[in-house]
PDB file of N, CA and C in Angstrom:
ATOM      1  N   UNK A   1      26.027   4.671  -1.258  1.00  0.00           N
ATOM      2  CA  UNK A   1      25.921   5.946  -0.615  1.00  0.00           C
ATOM      3  C   UNK A   1      25.972   5.717   0.895  1.00  0.00           C
ATOM      4  N   UNK A   2      26.711   6.515   1.570  1.00  0.00           N
ATOM      5  CA  UNK A   2      26.847   6.409   3.007  1.00  0.00           C
ATOM      6  C   UNK A   2      26.148   7.580   3.664  1.00  0.00           C
ATOM      7  N   UNK A   3      25.392   7.291   4.704  1.00  0.00           N
ATOM      8  CA  UNK A   3      24.717   8.338   5.448  1.00  0.00           C
ATOM      9  C   UNK A   3      25.391   8.487   6.800  1.00  0.00           C
ATOM     10  N   UNK A   4      25.523   9.716   7.258  1.00  0.00           N
ATOM     11  CA  UNK A   4      26.140   9.949   8.548  1.00  0.00           C
ATOM     12  C   UNK A   4      25.970  11.386   8.949  1.00  0.00           C
ATOM     13  N   UNK A   5      26.705  11.765   9.947  1.00  0.00           N
ATOM     14  CA  UNK A   5      26.657  13.137  10.401  1.00  0.00           C
ATOM     15  C   UNK A   5      28.039  13.564  10.848  1.00  0.00           C
ATOM     16  N   UNK A   6      28.266  14.835  10.846  1.00  0.00           N
ATOM     17  CA  UNK A   6      29.541  15.375  11.293  1.00  0.00           C
ATOM     18  C   UNK A   6      29.385  15.887  12.717  1.00  0.00           C
ATOM     19  N   UNK A   7      30.301  15.482  13.566  1.00  0.00           N
ATOM     20  CA  UNK A   7      30.310  15.973  14.940  1.00  0.00           C
ATOM     21  C   UNK A   7      31.529  16.869  15.107  1.00  0.00           C
ATOM     22  N   UNK A   8      31.350  17.969  15.777  1.00  0.00           N
ATOM     23  CA  UNK A   8      32.499  18.841  16.020  1.00  0.00           C
ATOM     24  C   UNK A   8      32.653  19.051  17.524  1.00  0.00           C
ATOM     25  N   UNK A   9      33.858  19.205  17.941  1.00  0.00           N
ATOM     26  CA  UNK A   9      34.136  19.491  19.340  1.00  0.00           C
ATOM     27  C   UNK A   9      35.442  20.257  19.424  1.00  0.00           C
ATOM     28  N   UNK A  10      35.598  20.944  20.504  1.00  0.00           N
ATOM     29  CA  UNK A  10      36.821  21.726  20.720  1.00  0.00           C
ATOM     30  C   UNK A  10      37.573  21.171  21.915  1.00  0.00           C
ATOM     31  N   UNK A  11      38.879  21.137  21.762  1.00  0.00           N
ATOM     32  CA  UNK A  11      39.728  20.674  22.855  1.00  0.00           C
ATOM     33  C   UNK A  11      40.959  21.572  22.879  1.00  0.00           C
ATOM     34  N   UNK A  12      41.135  22.253  23.952  1.00  0.00           N
ATOM     35  CA  UNK A  12      42.266  23.173  24.128  1.00  0.00           C
ATOM     36  C   UNK A  12      42.336  24.203  23.013  1.00  0.00           C
ATOM     37  N   UNK A  13      41.177  24.700  22.597  1.00  0.00           N
ATOM     38  CA  UNK A  13      41.144  25.741  21.589  1.00  0.00           C
ATOM     39  C   UNK A  13      41.331  25.244  20.172  1.00  0.00           C
ATOM     40  N   UNK A  14      41.435  23.931  19.970  1.00  0.00           N
ATOM     41  CA  UNK A  14      41.597  23.357  18.622  1.00  0.00           C
ATOM     42  C   UNK A  14      40.289  22.667  18.257  1.00  0.00           C
ATOM     43  N   UNK A  15      39.720  23.044  17.133  1.00  0.00           N
ATOM     44  CA  UNK A  15      38.464  22.433  16.701  1.00  0.00           C
ATOM     45  C   UNK A  15      38.730  21.146  15.947  1.00  0.00           C
ATOM     46  N   UNK A  16      37.920  20.168  16.219  1.00  0.00           N
ATOM     47  CA  UNK A  16      38.004  18.869  15.541  1.00  0.00           C
ATOM     48  C   UNK A  16      36.643  18.569  14.913  1.00  0.00           C
ATOM     49  N   UNK A  17      36.652  18.034  13.722  1.00  0.00           N
ATOM     50  CA  UNK A  17      35.419  17.599  13.058  1.00  0.00           C
ATOM     51  C   UNK A  17      35.594  16.134  12.699  1.00  0.00           C
ATOM     52  N   UNK A  18      34.631  15.330  13.105  1.00  0.00           N
ATOM     53  CA  UNK A  18      34.694  13.892  12.868  1.00  0.00           C
ATOM     54  C   UNK A  18      33.422  13.445  12.145  1.00  0.00           C
ATOM     55  N   UNK A  19      33.568  12.499  11.237  1.00  0.00           N
ATOM     56  CA  UNK A  19      32.421  11.934  10.523  1.00  0.00           C
ATOM     57  C   UNK A  19      31.992  10.670  11.249  1.00  0.00           C
ATOM     58  N   UNK A  20      30.718  10.587  11.618  1.00  0.00           N
ATOM     59  CA  UNK A  20      30.193   9.416  12.313  1.00  0.00           C
ATOM     60  C   UNK A  20      29.105   8.806  11.442  1.00  0.00           C
ATOM     61  N   UNK A  21      29.300   7.561  10.943  1.00  0.00           N
ATOM     62  CA  UNK A  21      28.264   6.936  10.119  1.00  0.00           C
ATOM     63  C   UNK A  21      27.022   6.610  10.957  1.00  0.00           C
ATOM     64  N   UNK A  22      25.853   6.856  10.390  1.00  0.00           N
ATOM     65  CA  UNK A  22      24.611   6.548  11.095  1.00  0.00           C
ATOM     66  C   UNK A  22      24.194   5.098  10.887  1.00  0.00           C
ATOM     67  N   UNK A  23      24.499   4.547   9.735  1.00  0.00           N
ATOM     68  CA  UNK A  23      24.104   3.176   9.420  1.00  0.00           C
ATOM     69  C   UNK A  23      25.348   2.325   9.318  1.00  0.00           C
ATOM     70  N   UNK A  24      25.460   1.387  10.195  1.00  0.00           N
ATOM     71  CA  UNK A  24      26.647   0.529  10.189  1.00  0.00           C
ATOM     72  C   UNK A  24      26.362  -0.835   9.577  1.00  0.00           C
ATOM     73  N   UNK A  25      25.117  -1.120   9.257  1.00  0.00           N
ATOM     74  CA  UNK A  25      24.773  -2.406   8.668  1.00  0.00           C
ATOM     75  C   UNK A  25      23.709  -2.184   7.595  1.00  0.00           C
ATOM     76  N   UNK A  26      23.174  -3.251   7.094  1.00  0.00           N
ATOM     77  CA  UNK A  26      22.152  -3.191   6.056  1.00  0.00           C
ATOM     78  C   UNK A  26      20.933  -2.410   6.563  1.00  0.00           C
ATOM     79  N   UNK A  27      20.413  -1.515   5.733  1.00  0.00           N
ATOM     80  CA  UNK A  27      19.236  -0.736   6.107  1.00  0.00           C
ATOM     81  C   UNK A  27      17.984  -1.566   5.900  1.00  0.00           C
ATOM     82  N   UNK A  28      16.965  -1.331   6.721  1.00  0.00           N
ATOM     83  CA  UNK A  28      15.691  -2.002   6.548  1.00  0.00           C
ATOM     84  C   UNK A  28      14.568  -1.061   6.946  1.00  0.00           C
ATOM     85  N   UNK A  29      13.410  -1.258   6.336  1.00  0.00           N
ATOM     86  CA  UNK A  29      12.229  -0.475   6.664  1.00  0.00           C
ATOM     87  C   UNK A  29      11.313  -1.316   7.534  1.00  0.00           C
ATOM     88  N   UNK A  30      10.742  -0.709   8.547  1.00  0.00           N
ATOM     89  CA  UNK A  30       9.860  -1.418   9.460  1.00  0.00           C
ATOM     90  C   UNK A  30       8.601  -0.577   9.656  1.00  0.00           C
ATOM     91  N   UNK A  31       7.443  -1.209   9.518  1.00  0.00           N
ATOM     92  CA  UNK A  31       6.173  -0.552   9.809  1.00  0.00           C
ATOM     93  C   UNK A  31       5.756  -0.968  11.211  1.00  0.00           C
ATOM     94  N   UNK A  32       5.335  -0.021  11.996  1.00  0.00           N
ATOM     95  CA  UNK A  32       4.895  -0.302  13.360  1.00  0.00           C
ATOM     96  C   UNK A  32       3.479   0.231  13.517  1.00  0.00           C
ATOM     97  N   UNK A  33       2.569  -0.640  13.915  1.00  0.00           N
ATOM     98  CA  UNK A  33       1.190  -0.256  14.183  1.00  0.00           C
ATOM     99  C   UNK A  33       0.958  -0.355  15.674  1.00  0.00           C
ATOM    100  N   UNK A  34       0.438   0.705  16.231  1.00  0.00           N
ATOM    101  CA  UNK A  34       0.172   0.730  17.657  1.00  0.00           C
ATOM    102  C   UNK A  34      -1.334   0.778  17.851  1.00  0.00           C
ATOM    103  N   UNK A  35      -1.860  -0.145  18.618  1.00  0.00           N
ATOM    104  CA  UNK A  35      -3.290  -0.169  18.867  1.00  0.00           C
ATOM    105  C   UNK A  35      -3.690  -1.485  19.490  1.00  0.00           C
ATOM    106  N   UNK A  36      -4.933  -1.563  19.874  1.00  0.00           N
ATOM    107  CA  UNK A  36      -5.467  -2.779  20.493  1.00  0.00           C
ATOM    108  C   UNK A  36      -6.283  -3.554  19.478  1.00  0.00           C
ATOM    109  N   UNK A  37      -6.263  -4.853  19.612  1.00  0.00           N
ATOM    110  CA  UNK A  37      -7.100  -5.753  18.811  1.00  0.00           C
ATOM    111  C   UNK A  37      -6.929  -5.533  17.305  1.00  0.00           C
ATOM    112  N   UNK A  38      -5.705  -5.355  16.857  1.00  0.00           N
ATOM    113  CA  UNK A  38      -5.443  -5.176  15.426  1.00  0.00           C
ATOM    114  C   UNK A  38      -5.591  -6.513  14.712  1.00  0.00           C
ATOM    115  N   UNK A  39      -6.120  -6.471  13.523  1.00  0.00           N
ATOM    116  CA  UNK A  39      -6.257  -7.680  12.704  1.00  0.00           C
ATOM    117  C   UNK A  39      -4.955  -7.868  11.921  1.00  0.00           C
ATOM    118  N   UNK A  40      -4.030  -8.610  12.487  1.00  0.00           N
ATOM    119  CA  UNK A  40      -2.698  -8.768  11.910  1.00  0.00           C
ATOM    120  C   UNK A  40      -2.742  -9.422  10.526  1.00  0.00           C
ATOM    121  N   UNK A  41      -3.608 -10.427  10.365  1.00  0.00           N
ATOM    122  CA  UNK A  41      -3.691 -11.105   9.064  1.00  0.00           C
ATOM    123  C   UNK A  41      -4.177 -10.146   7.983  1.00  0.00           C
ATOM    124  N   UNK A  42      -5.178  -9.308   8.294  1.00  0.00           N
ATOM    125  CA  UNK A  42      -5.698  -8.364   7.314  1.00  0.00           C
ATOM    126  C   UNK A  42      -4.632  -7.337   6.948  1.00  0.00           C
ATOM    127  N   UNK A  43      -3.917  -6.803   7.953  1.00  0.00           N
ATOM    128  CA  UNK A  43      -2.862  -5.825   7.674  1.00  0.00           C
ATOM    129  C   UNK A  43      -1.786  -6.428   6.776  1.00  0.00           C
ATOM    130  N   UNK A  44      -1.388  -7.656   7.076  1.00  0.00           N
ATOM    131  CA  UNK A  44      -0.364  -8.316   6.261  1.00  0.00           C
ATOM    132  C   UNK A  44      -0.876  -8.541   4.837  1.00  0.00           C
ATOM    133  N   UNK A  45      -2.132  -8.964   4.715  1.00  0.00           N
ATOM    134  CA  UNK A  45      -2.721  -9.195   3.391  1.00  0.00           C
ATOM    135  C   UNK A  45      -2.742  -7.896   2.581  1.00  0.00           C
ATOM    136  N   UNK A  46      -3.091  -6.789   3.224  1.00  0.00           N
ATOM    137  CA  UNK A  46      -3.141  -5.502   2.521  1.00  0.00           C
ATOM    138  C   UNK A  46      -1.763  -5.053   2.078  1.00  0.00           C
ATOM    139  N   UNK A  47      -0.760  -5.220   2.932  1.00  0.00           N
ATOM    140  CA  UNK A  47       0.592  -4.833   2.536  1.00  0.00           C
ATOM    141  C   UNK A  47       1.111  -5.711   1.411  1.00  0.00           C
ATOM    142  N   UNK A  48       0.842  -6.992   1.477  1.00  0.00           N
ATOM    143  CA  UNK A  48       1.299  -7.885   0.411  1.00  0.00           C
ATOM    144  C   UNK A  48       0.585  -7.563  -0.901  1.00  0.00           C
ATOM    145  N   UNK A  49      -0.664  -7.120  -0.817  1.00  0.00           N
ATOM    146  CA  UNK A  49      -1.411  -6.767  -2.022  1.00  0.00           C
ATOM    147  C   UNK A  49      -0.862  -5.497  -2.671  1.00  0.00           C
ATOM    148  N   UNK A  50      -0.138  -4.703  -1.912  1.00  0.00           N
ATOM    149  CA  UNK A  50       0.442  -3.475  -2.470  1.00  0.00           C
ATOM    150  C   UNK A  50       1.617  -3.760  -3.391  1.00  0.00           C
ATOM    151  N   UNK A  51       2.155  -4.960  -3.309  1.00  0.00           N
ATOM    152  CA  UNK A  51       3.228  -5.332  -4.228  1.00  0.00           C
ATOM    153  C   UNK A  51       2.627  -5.464  -5.618  1.00  0.00           C
ATOM    154  N   UNK A  52       3.110  -4.687  -6.524  1.00  0.00           N
ATOM    155  CA  UNK A  52       2.555  -4.687  -7.877  1.00  0.00           C
ATOM    156  C   UNK A  52       3.001  -5.935  -8.610  1.00  0.00           C
ATOM    157  N   UNK A  53       2.030  -6.600  -9.210  1.00  0.00           N
ATOM    158  CA  UNK A  53       2.337  -7.757 -10.043  1.00  0.00           C
ATOM    159  C   UNK A  53       1.480  -7.653 -11.299  1.00  0.00           C
ATOM    160  N   UNK A  54       1.810  -8.436 -12.268  1.00  0.00           N
ATOM    161  CA  UNK A  54       1.055  -8.411 -13.517  1.00  0.00           C
ATOM    162  C   UNK A  54      -0.253  -9.180 -13.398  1.00  0.00           C
ATOM    163  N   UNK A  55      -0.391  -9.992 -12.364  1.00  0.00           N
ATOM    164  CA  UNK A  55      -1.567 -10.836 -12.249  1.00  0.00           C
ATOM    165  C   UNK A  55      -2.535 -10.273 -11.220  1.00  0.00           C
ATOM    166  N   UNK A  56      -3.762 -10.080 -11.650  1.00  0.00           N
ATOM    167  CA  UNK A  56      -4.846  -9.691 -10.767  1.00  0.00           C
ATOM    168  C   UNK A  56      -5.882 -10.812 -10.787  1.00  0.00           C
ATOM    169  N   UNK A  57      -6.713 -10.871  -9.778  1.00  0.00           N
ATOM    170  CA  UNK A  57      -7.715 -11.942  -9.704  1.00  0.00           C
ATOM    171  C   UNK A  57      -8.794 -11.807 -10.758  1.00  0.00           C
ATOM    172  N   UNK A  58      -9.148 -10.562 -11.117  1.00  0.00           N
ATOM    173  CA  UNK A  58     -10.260 -10.340 -12.045  1.00  0.00           C
ATOM    174  C   UNK A  58      -9.768  -9.679 -13.323  1.00  0.00           C
ATOM    175  N   UNK A  59     -10.483  -9.938 -14.395  1.00  0.00           N
ATOM    176  CA  UNK A  59     -10.161  -9.360 -15.691  1.00  0.00           C
ATOM    177  C   UNK A  59     -11.294  -8.410 -16.101  1.00  0.00           C
ATOM    178  N   UNK A  60     -11.038  -7.573 -17.096  1.00  0.00           N
ATOM    179  CA  UNK A  60     -12.070  -6.668 -17.607  1.00  0.00           C
ATOM    180  C   UNK A  60     -13.270  -7.502 -18.053  1.00  0.00           C
ATOM    181  N   UNK A  61     -14.462  -7.096 -17.611  1.00  0.00           N
ATOM    182  CA  UNK A  61     -15.687  -7.808 -17.949  1.00  0.00           C
ATOM    183  C   UNK A  61     -16.162  -8.762 -16.867  1.00  0.00           C
ATOM    184  N   UNK A  62     -15.317  -9.068 -15.886  1.00  0.00           N
ATOM    185  CA  UNK A  62     -15.716  -9.977 -14.807  1.00  0.00           C
ATOM    186  C   UNK A  62     -16.769  -9.319 -13.925  1.00  0.00           C
ATOM    187  N   UNK A  63     -17.732 -10.118 -13.483  1.00  0.00           N
ATOM    188  CA  UNK A  63     -18.779  -9.648 -12.585  1.00  0.00           C
ATOM    189  C   UNK A  63     -18.278  -9.785 -11.157  1.00  0.00           C
ATOM    190  N   UNK A  64     -18.311  -8.681 -10.414  1.00  0.00           N
ATOM    191  CA  UNK A  64     -17.759  -8.644  -9.061  1.00  0.00           C
ATOM    192  C   UNK A  64     -18.730  -7.904  -8.141  1.00  0.00           C
ATOM    193  N   UNK A  65     -18.331  -7.812  -6.879  1.00  0.00           N
ATOM    194  CA  UNK A  65     -19.018  -6.964  -5.917  1.00  0.00           C
ATOM    195  C   UNK A  65     -17.992  -6.005  -5.339  1.00  0.00           C
ATOM    196  N   UNK A  66     -18.320  -4.711  -5.351  1.00  0.00           N
ATOM    197  CA  UNK A  66     -17.441  -3.671  -4.824  1.00  0.00           C
ATOM    198  C   UNK A  66     -17.975  -3.211  -3.472  1.00  0.00           C
ATOM    199  N   UNK A  67     -17.067  -2.958  -2.544  1.00  0.00           N
ATOM    200  CA  UNK A  67     -17.449  -2.494  -1.218  1.00  0.00           C
ATOM    201  C   UNK A  67     -17.556  -0.970  -1.220  1.00  0.00           C
ATOM    202  N   UNK A  68     -18.783  -0.473  -1.156  1.00  0.00           N
ATOM    203  CA  UNK A  68     -19.020   0.975  -1.086  1.00  0.00           C
ATOM    204  C   UNK A  68     -19.761   1.294   0.214  1.00  0.00           C
ATOM    205  N   UNK A  69     -19.373   0.601   1.269  1.00  0.00           N
ATOM    206  CA  UNK A  69     -20.086   0.655   2.545  1.00  0.00           C
ATOM    207  C   UNK A  69     -20.866  -0.626   2.727  1.00  0.00           C
ATOM    208  N   UNK A  70     -21.297  -1.165   1.625  1.00  0.00           N
ATOM    209  CA  UNK A  70     -21.882  -2.504   1.539  1.00  0.00           C
ATOM    210  C   UNK A  70     -21.494  -3.050   0.167  1.00  0.00           C
ATOM    211  N   UNK A  71     -21.455  -4.355   0.028  1.00  0.00           N
ATOM    212  CA  UNK A  71     -21.046  -4.921  -1.257  1.00  0.00           C
ATOM    213  C   UNK A  71     -22.168  -4.763  -2.272  1.00  0.00           C
ATOM    214  N   UNK A  72     -21.807  -4.179  -3.425  1.00  0.00           N
ATOM    215  CA  UNK A  72     -22.748  -3.865  -4.492  1.00  0.00           C
ATOM    216  C   UNK A  72     -22.257  -4.481  -5.791  1.00  0.00           C
ATOM    217  N   UNK A  73     -23.169  -5.039  -6.567  1.00  0.00           N
ATOM    218  CA  UNK A  73     -22.806  -5.686  -7.825  1.00  0.00           C
ATOM    219  C   UNK A  73     -22.253  -4.674  -8.825  1.00  0.00           C
ATOM    220  N   UNK A  74     -21.252  -5.133  -9.573  1.00  0.00           N
ATOM    221  CA  UNK A  74     -20.651  -4.298 -10.596  1.00  0.00           C
ATOM    222  C   UNK A  74     -19.849  -5.134 -11.573  1.00  0.00           C
ATOM    223  N   UNK A  75     -19.227  -4.462 -12.531  1.00  0.00           N
ATOM    224  CA  UNK A  75     -18.422  -5.102 -13.562  1.00  0.00           C
ATOM    225  C   UNK A  75     -17.076  -4.396 -13.646  1.00  0.00           C
ATOM    226  N   UNK A  76     -16.001  -5.171 -13.739  1.00  0.00           N
ATOM    227  CA  UNK A  76     -14.666  -4.583 -13.898  1.00  0.00           C
ATOM    228  C   UNK A  76     -14.592  -3.973 -15.298  1.00  0.00           C
ATOM    229  N   UNK A  77     -14.288  -2.661 -15.365  1.00  0.00           N
ATOM    230  CA  UNK A  77     -14.189  -1.999 -16.667  1.00  0.00           C
ATOM    231  C   UNK A  77     -12.745  -1.661 -17.024  1.00  0.00           C
ATOM    232  N   UNK A  78     -11.839  -1.655 -16.033  1.00  0.00           N
ATOM    233  CA  UNK A  78     -10.441  -1.373 -16.329  1.00  0.00           C
ATOM    234  C   UNK A  78      -9.575  -1.862 -15.175  1.00  0.00           C
ATOM    235  N   UNK A  79      -8.374  -2.318 -15.508  1.00  0.00           N
ATOM    236  CA  UNK A  79      -7.408  -2.708 -14.478  1.00  0.00           C
ATOM    237  C   UNK A  79      -6.250  -1.726 -14.500  1.00  0.00           C
ATOM    238  N   UNK A  80      -5.637  -1.555 -13.364  1.00  0.00           N
ATOM    239  CA  UNK A  80      -4.523  -0.623 -13.160  1.00  0.00           C
ATOM    240  C   UNK A  80      -4.851   0.757 -13.721  1.00  0.00           C
ATOM    241  N   UNK A  81      -5.973   1.282 -13.277  1.00  0.00           N
ATOM    242  CA  UNK A  81      -6.425   2.602 -13.710  1.00  0.00           C
ATOM    243  C   UNK A  81      -5.987   3.651 -12.693  1.00  0.00           C
ATOM    244  N   UNK A  82      -5.112   4.535 -13.099  1.00  0.00           N
ATOM    245  CA  UNK A  82      -4.657   5.644 -12.257  1.00  0.00           C
ATOM    246  C   UNK A  82      -4.098   5.153 -10.922  1.00  0.00           C
ATOM    247  N   UNK A  83      -3.381   4.036 -10.957  1.00  0.00           N
ATOM    248  CA  UNK A  83      -2.755   3.490  -9.752  1.00  0.00           C
ATOM    249  C   UNK A  83      -3.647   2.583  -8.937  1.00  0.00           C
ATOM    250  N   UNK A  84      -4.905   2.440  -9.327  1.00  0.00           N
ATOM    251  CA  UNK A  84      -5.837   1.557  -8.625  1.00  0.00           C
ATOM    252  C   UNK A  84      -5.902   0.213  -9.343  1.00  0.00           C
ATOM    253  N   UNK A  85      -6.050  -0.849  -8.565  1.00  0.00           N
ATOM    254  CA  UNK A  85      -6.095  -2.182  -9.164  1.00  0.00           C
ATOM    255  C   UNK A  85      -7.278  -2.337 -10.124  1.00  0.00           C
ATOM    256  N   UNK A  86      -8.443  -1.821  -9.728  1.00  0.00           N
ATOM    257  CA  UNK A  86      -9.635  -1.981 -10.561  1.00  0.00           C
ATOM    258  C   UNK A  86     -10.456  -0.700 -10.622  1.00  0.00           C
ATOM    259  N   UNK A  87     -11.087  -0.485 -11.780  1.00  0.00           N
ATOM    260  CA  UNK A  87     -12.191   0.470 -11.879  1.00  0.00           C
ATOM    261  C   UNK A  87     -13.421  -0.378 -12.142  1.00  0.00           C
ATOM    262  N   UNK A  88     -14.452  -0.168 -11.349  1.00  0.00           N
ATOM    263  CA  UNK A  88     -15.642  -1.015 -11.391  1.00  0.00           C
ATOM    264  C   UNK A  88     -16.856  -0.138 -11.671  1.00  0.00           C
ATOM    265  N   UNK A  89     -17.654  -0.561 -12.636  1.00  0.00           N
ATOM    266  CA  UNK A  89     -18.904   0.131 -12.934  1.00  0.00           C
ATOM    267  C   UNK A  89     -20.024  -0.572 -12.180  1.00  0.00           C
ATOM    268  N   UNK A  90     -20.685   0.171 -11.297  1.00  0.00           N
ATOM    269  CA  UNK A  90     -21.756  -0.410 -10.498  1.00  0.00           C
ATOM    270  C   UNK A  90     -23.013  -0.585 -11.339  1.00  0.00           C
ATOM    271  N   UNK A  91     -23.831  -1.539 -10.933  1.00  0.00           N
ATOM    272  CA  UNK A  91     -25.104  -1.790 -11.625  1.00  0.00           C
ATOM    273  C   UNK A  91     -26.186  -0.949 -10.973  1.00  0.00           C
ATOM    274  N   UNK A  92     -26.045   0.371 -11.087  1.00  0.00           N
ATOM    275  CA  UNK A  92     -27.077   1.283 -10.609  1.00  0.00           C
ATOM    276  C   UNK A  92     -27.551   2.125 -11.790  1.00  0.00           C
ATOM    277  N   UNK A  93     -28.548   2.956 -11.554  1.00  0.00           N
ATOM    278  CA  UNK A  93     -29.136   3.756 -12.646  1.00  0.00           C
ATOM    279  C   UNK A  93     -28.108   4.690 -13.289  1.00  0.00           C
ATOM    280  N   UNK A  94     -27.143   5.179 -12.481  1.00  0.00           N
ATOM    281  CA  UNK A  94     -26.150   6.123 -12.998  1.00  0.00           C
ATOM    282  C   UNK A  94     -24.900   5.447 -13.557  1.00  0.00           C
ATOM    283  N   UNK A  95     -24.827   4.115 -13.431  1.00  0.00           N
ATOM    284  CA  UNK A  95     -23.623   3.372 -13.848  1.00  0.00           C
ATOM    285  C   UNK A  95     -22.373   4.002 -13.220  1.00  0.00           C
ATOM    286  N   UNK A  96     -22.446   4.228 -11.907  1.00  0.00           N
ATOM    287  CA  UNK A  96     -21.367   4.859 -11.147  1.00  0.00           C
ATOM    288  C   UNK A  96     -20.089   4.042 -11.237  1.00  0.00           C
ATOM    289  N   UNK A  97     -18.958   4.731 -11.410  1.00  0.00           N
ATOM    290  CA  UNK A  97     -17.652   4.077 -11.412  1.00  0.00           C
ATOM    291  C   UNK A  97     -16.982   4.289 -10.060  1.00  0.00           C
ATOM    292  N   UNK A  98     -16.469   3.199  -9.494  1.00  0.00           N
ATOM    293  CA  UNK A  98     -15.728   3.250  -8.231  1.00  0.00           C
ATOM    294  C   UNK A  98     -14.404   2.530  -8.434  1.00  0.00           C
ATOM    295  N   UNK A  99     -13.484   2.740  -7.498  1.00  0.00           N
ATOM    296  CA  UNK A  99     -12.153   2.145  -7.601  1.00  0.00           C
ATOM    297  C   UNK A  99     -11.895   1.188  -6.453  1.00  0.00           C
ATOM    298  N   UNK A 100     -11.199   0.122  -6.755  1.00  0.00           N
ATOM    299  CA  UNK A 100     -10.652  -0.774  -5.738  1.00  0.00           C
ATOM    300  C   UNK A 100      -9.147  -0.531  -5.761  1.00  0.00           C
ATOM    301  N   UNK A 101      -8.599   0.128  -4.733  1.00  0.00           N
ATOM    302  CA  UNK A 101      -7.191   0.520  -4.782  1.00  0.00           C
ATOM    303  C   UNK A 101      -6.226  -0.657  -4.786  1.00  0.00           C
ATOM    304  N   UNK A 102      -6.597  -1.727  -4.101  1.00  0.00           N
ATOM    305  CA  UNK A 102      -5.743  -2.919  -4.085  1.00  0.00           C
ATOM    306  C   UNK A 102      -6.619  -4.149  -4.266  1.00  0.00           C
ATOM    307  N   UNK A 103      -6.007  -5.247  -4.627  1.00  0.00           N
ATOM    308  CA  UNK A 103      -6.724  -6.473  -4.970  1.00  0.00           C
ATOM    309  C   UNK A 103      -6.895  -7.366  -3.744  1.00  0.00           C
ATOM    310  N   UNK A 104      -7.798  -6.955  -2.846  1.00  0.00           N
ATOM    311  CA  UNK A 104      -8.136  -7.772  -1.670  1.00  0.00           C
ATOM    312  C   UNK A 104      -9.651  -7.815  -1.534  1.00  0.00           C
ATOM    313  N   UNK A 105     -10.142  -8.856  -0.852  1.00  0.00           N
ATOM    314  CA  UNK A 105     -11.592  -9.032  -0.689  1.00  0.00           C
ATOM    315  C   UNK A 105     -12.246  -7.893   0.080  1.00  0.00           C
ATOM    316  N   UNK A 106     -11.488  -7.141   0.831  1.00  0.00           N
ATOM    317  CA  UNK A 106     -12.057  -6.016   1.573  1.00  0.00           C
ATOM    318  C   UNK A 106     -12.655  -4.984   0.618  1.00  0.00           C
ATOM    319  N   UNK A 107     -12.062  -4.814  -0.560  1.00  0.00           N
ATOM    320  CA  UNK A 107     -12.519  -3.822  -1.538  1.00  0.00           C
ATOM    321  C   UNK A 107     -13.333  -4.422  -2.666  1.00  0.00           C
ATOM    322  N   UNK A 108     -12.938  -5.573  -3.152  1.00  0.00           N
ATOM    323  CA  UNK A 108     -13.622  -6.192  -4.280  1.00  0.00           C
ATOM    324  C   UNK A 108     -13.582  -7.713  -4.111  1.00  0.00           C
ATOM    325  N   UNK A 109     -14.700  -8.338  -4.411  1.00  0.00           N
ATOM    326  CA  UNK A 109     -14.762  -9.800  -4.296  1.00  0.00           C
ATOM    327  C   UNK A 109     -15.584 -10.367  -5.446  1.00  0.00           C
ATOM    328  N   UNK A 110     -15.416 -11.665  -5.671  1.00  0.00           N
ATOM    329  CA  UNK A 110     -16.186 -12.328  -6.727  1.00  0.00           C
ATOM    330  C   UNK A 110     -17.647 -12.379  -6.316  1.00  0.00           C
ATOM    331  N   UNK A 111     -18.525 -12.333  -7.309  1.00  0.00           N
ATOM    332  CA  UNK A 111     -19.946 -12.448  -7.006  1.00  0.00           C
ATOM    333  C   UNK A 111     -20.258 -13.858  -6.551  1.00  0.00           C
ATOM    334  N   UNK A 112     -21.124 -13.963  -5.531  1.00  0.00           N
ATOM    335  CA  UNK A 112     -21.505 -15.323  -5.080  1.00  0.00           C
ATOM    336  C   UNK A 112     -22.410 -16.019  -6.084  1.00  0.00           C
TER     337      UNK A 112
END
């Protein structure tokens, strides 16, 4: 598929329409983050974790810690639940379920 635009112009009362391609080479996507003191390694790790693979670090039943503002003990109850890498049941009185959207230590880590 070719992407472009049509340009029109008039010369001596005669209209001309020309097709001008917008992409002349291979297309690529680029993410640009603007800010000070960005953690480049963390951003790269998060983007790489977004690549879906069949292998996750934890399996159903594994004891983990989920980050809910602070790391809290829990158990993995499901993987790839509703687009999230993990569903984790916390060890609280309500057995609250939380999600880890991607498989990085920022959201879920092994219990020490």
